[in-house]
Amino acid sequence: MRLVFSIYTALLYAMAGVAGATLIWLMISVITSVVMRNLGLQPFAWLFTSTEYGILYMTMLGAPWLVREKGHVHIELVTAALPAPLRRIVSRGVALACVAVSLILAWKGLELFLTNIERNDYDVRAYFTPRWILTISFPIAFGMMAIEFSRFVFGSELMHSGEAGIHE
């Protein structure tokens, strides 16, 4: 079981690493596109397409890691006002709702992915790209987010600190 957790954690951090590298690529591709336009050149078609795909992949691959690190946006105003026992209940309830939503989105993402394969759908812009290449990220990312949110439901750590304001 320890091996499974190690592999899962390695996958989670690898996905976050790819998301970070994608952010760097987005910066490079946007700068390159702007420079080319300012020089009177037509930017490469693949440059724009890779930027669009990169935004999706960066978001989906980085999201499970953000959940683990509590880097997602949430407001502590209400939980800060609650007594500790009630805060635990509310925090675990919110995390449970997040698990439910993530599982629903993972299931729907899987259905979409399988539909794209069944129909042999293509994303037709500059290139013919199989659409499943985009939609495969949905069940993977949302499934892993469900796992990460469930750590706050069943684990010792709470999602909410109970401290309102910015703490960095």
Protein backbone atom coordinates (compact mmCIF):
# COMPACT_ATOMS: atom_id res chain seq x y z
CA MET A 1 0.00 0.00 0.00
CA ARG A 2 2.91 2.31 0.73
CA LEU A 3 4.08 1.80 -2.88
CA VAL A 4 0.66 2.88 -4.19
CA PHE A 5 0.80 6.06 -2.08
CA SER A 6 4.34 6.76 -3.30
CA ILE A 7 3.34 6.32 -6.95
CA TYR A 8 0.25 8.48 -6.46
CA THR A 9 2.26 11.23 -4.77
CA ALA A 10 4.90 11.10 -7.49
CA LEU A 11 2.17 11.39 -10.13
CA LEU A 12 0.61 14.33 -8.28
CA TYR A 13 3.92 16.21 -8.12
CA ALA A 14 4.80 15.30 -11.71
CA MET A 15 1.48 16.75 -12.86
CA ALA A 16 2.21 19.91 -10.86
CA GLY A 17 5.65 20.07 -12.45
CA VAL A 18 4.18 19.78 -15.94
CA ALA A 19 1.67 22.51 -15.03
CA GLY A 20 4.54 24.75 -13.91
CA ALA A 21 6.51 24.04 -17.10
CA THR A 22 3.37 24.79 -19.10
CA LEU A 23 3.11 28.18 -17.39
CA ILE A 24 6.64 28.94 -18.55
CA TRP A 25 5.75 27.79 -22.07
CA LEU A 26 2.69 30.07 -22.05
CA MET A 27 4.88 33.04 -21.18
CA ILE A 28 7.38 32.19 -23.94
CA SER A 29 4.71 31.55 -26.56
CA VAL A 30 2.79 34.77 -25.84
CA ILE A 31 5.98 36.86 -25.93
CA THR A 32 7.06 35.16 -29.16
CA SER A 33 3.66 35.74 -30.75
CA VAL A 34 3.62 39.43 -29.77
CA VAL A 35 7.19 39.98 -31.01
CA MET A 36 6.39 38.27 -34.32
CA ARG A 37 3.30 40.43 -34.80
CA ASN A 38 5.23 43.60 -33.99
CA LEU A 39 7.80 42.60 -36.61
CA GLY A 40 5.02 42.22 -39.18
CA LEU A 41 5.24 38.44 -39.22
CA GLN A 42 2.41 35.94 -38.92
CA PRO A 43 2.83 33.86 -35.73
CA PHE A 44 2.96 30.11 -36.25
CA ALA A 45 -0.43 28.38 -36.12
CA TRP A 46 0.89 25.77 -33.69
CA LEU A 47 1.98 28.55 -31.33
CA PHE A 48 -1.60 29.73 -30.77
CA THR A 49 -2.97 26.17 -30.57
CA SER A 50 -0.34 25.09 -28.05
CA THR A 51 -1.20 28.12 -25.91
CA GLU A 52 -4.90 27.23 -25.88
CA TYR A 53 -4.21 23.61 -24.99
CA GLY A 54 -1.58 24.68 -22.47
CA ILE A 55 -4.07 26.79 -20.53
CA LEU A 56 -6.39 23.80 -20.18
CA TYR A 57 -3.64 21.36 -19.23
CA MET A 58 -1.99 23.78 -16.81
CA THR A 59 -5.29 24.25 -15.00
CA MET A 60 -6.26 20.59 -14.91
CA LEU A 61 -2.83 19.17 -14.04
CA GLY A 62 -2.10 21.72 -11.34
CA ALA A 63 -5.48 21.62 -9.59
CA PRO A 64 -5.00 18.41 -7.54
CA TRP A 65 -1.68 19.68 -6.18
CA LEU A 66 -3.31 23.01 -5.28
CA VAL A 67 -5.97 21.14 -3.30
CA ARG A 68 -3.29 19.23 -1.40
CA GLU A 69 -1.39 22.43 -0.60
CA LYS A 70 -4.59 24.35 0.26
CA GLY A 71 -3.73 26.72 -2.56
CA HIS A 72 -7.27 26.91 -3.88
CA VAL A 73 -9.40 29.94 -3.12
CA HIS A 74 -11.66 29.73 -0.11
CA ILE A 75 -12.95 32.25 2.38
CA GLU A 76 -12.24 31.79 6.07
CA LEU A 77 -14.55 34.56 7.28
CA VAL A 78 -17.31 32.20 8.40
CA THR A 79 -15.08 29.43 9.74
CA ALA A 80 -13.02 31.94 11.73
CA ALA A 81 -16.15 32.95 13.63
CA LEU A 82 -17.09 29.37 14.53
CA PRO A 83 -16.01 27.53 17.67
CA ALA A 84 -13.44 24.79 17.00
CA PRO A 85 -15.82 21.78 17.22
CA LEU A 86 -18.32 23.36 14.84
CA ARG A 87 -15.49 24.52 12.53
CA ARG A 88 -14.34 20.90 12.19
CA ILE A 89 -17.86 19.81 11.20
CA VAL A 90 -18.31 22.65 8.70
CA SER A 91 -14.84 22.16 7.21
CA ARG A 92 -15.34 18.42 6.76
CA GLY A 93 -18.82 19.06 5.31
CA VAL A 94 -17.42 21.52 2.76
CA ALA A 95 -14.66 19.05 1.87
CA LEU A 96 -17.27 16.31 1.46
CA ALA A 97 -19.27 18.55 -0.90
CA CYS A 98 -16.05 19.18 -2.86
CA VAL A 99 -15.49 15.41 -3.10
CA ALA A 100 -19.03 14.93 -4.42
CA VAL A 101 -18.68 17.70 -7.03
CA SER A 102 -15.24 16.43 -8.08
CA LEU A 103 -16.56 12.88 -8.51
CA ILE A 104 -19.50 14.08 -10.59
CA LEU A 105 -17.17 16.11 -12.81
CA ALA A 106 -14.76 13.17 -13.09
CA TRP A 107 -17.64 10.90 -14.14
CA LYS A 108 -18.98 13.40 -16.68
CA GLY A 109 -15.43 14.00 -17.93
CA LEU A 110 -14.97 10.27 -18.40
CA GLU A 111 -18.24 10.10 -20.34
CA LEU A 112 -17.09 12.98 -22.54
CA PHE A 113 -13.69 11.35 -23.09
CA LEU A 114 -15.29 8.03 -24.08
CA THR A 115 -17.77 9.82 -26.36
CA ASN A 116 -14.90 11.61 -28.08
CA ILE A 117 -13.18 8.28 -28.70
CA GLU A 118 -16.39 6.56 -29.84
CA ARG A 119 -17.29 9.35 -32.28
CA ASN A 120 -13.69 9.87 -33.35
CA ASP A 121 -14.11 13.61 -32.68
CA TYR A 122 -11.45 16.05 -33.80
CA ASP A 123 -10.67 19.59 -32.74
CA VAL A 124 -10.40 21.29 -36.10
CA ARG A 125 -8.51 24.55 -36.15
CA ALA A 126 -4.97 24.90 -37.40
CA TYR A 127 -4.56 21.14 -37.10
CA PHE A 128 -6.80 18.11 -36.80
CA THR A 129 -6.29 17.07 -33.18
CA PRO A 130 -8.19 14.17 -31.64
CA ARG A 131 -10.49 15.76 -29.07
CA TRP A 132 -9.83 13.01 -26.51
CA ILE A 133 -6.34 14.47 -26.08
CA LEU A 134 -8.05 17.43 -24.42
CA THR A 135 -10.79 15.64 -22.51
CA ILE A 136 -8.60 12.90 -20.98
CA SER A 137 -7.46 15.50 -18.46
CA PHE A 138 -10.95 15.86 -16.95
CA PRO A 139 -11.45 12.44 -15.34
CA ILE A 140 -7.81 12.27 -14.24
CA ALA A 141 -7.67 15.73 -12.65
CA PHE A 142 -11.12 15.69 -11.07
CA GLY A 143 -10.60 12.12 -9.82
CA MET A 144 -7.37 13.16 -8.14
CA MET A 145 -9.05 16.28 -6.72
CA ALA A 146 -11.71 14.02 -5.18
CA ILE A 147 -8.92 11.99 -3.55
CA GLU A 148 -7.22 15.14 -2.27
CA PHE A 149 -10.44 16.65 -0.90
CA SER A 150 -11.25 13.31 0.78
CA ARG A 151 -8.01 13.69 2.76
CA PHE A 152 -9.68 16.69 4.44
CA VAL A 153 -12.85 14.68 5.09
CA PHE A 154 -11.20 11.61 6.64
CA GLY A 155 -7.72 12.81 7.62
CA SER A 156 -6.56 14.67 10.68
CA GLU A 157 -5.93 17.92 8.80
CA LEU A 158 -8.77 20.33 8.12
CA MET A 159 -9.23 22.32 4.95
CA HIS A 160 -10.05 25.50 6.88
CA SER A 161 -7.64 27.00 9.40
CA GLY A 162 -10.23 29.22 11.12
CA GLU A 163 -8.04 32.26 10.62
CA ALA A 164 -9.57 35.05 8.55
CA GLY A 165 -7.35 37.20 6.35
CA ILE A 166 -4.22 36.62 4.31
CA HIS A 167 -1.57 34.42 5.92
CA GLU A 168 1.53 34.01 3.79
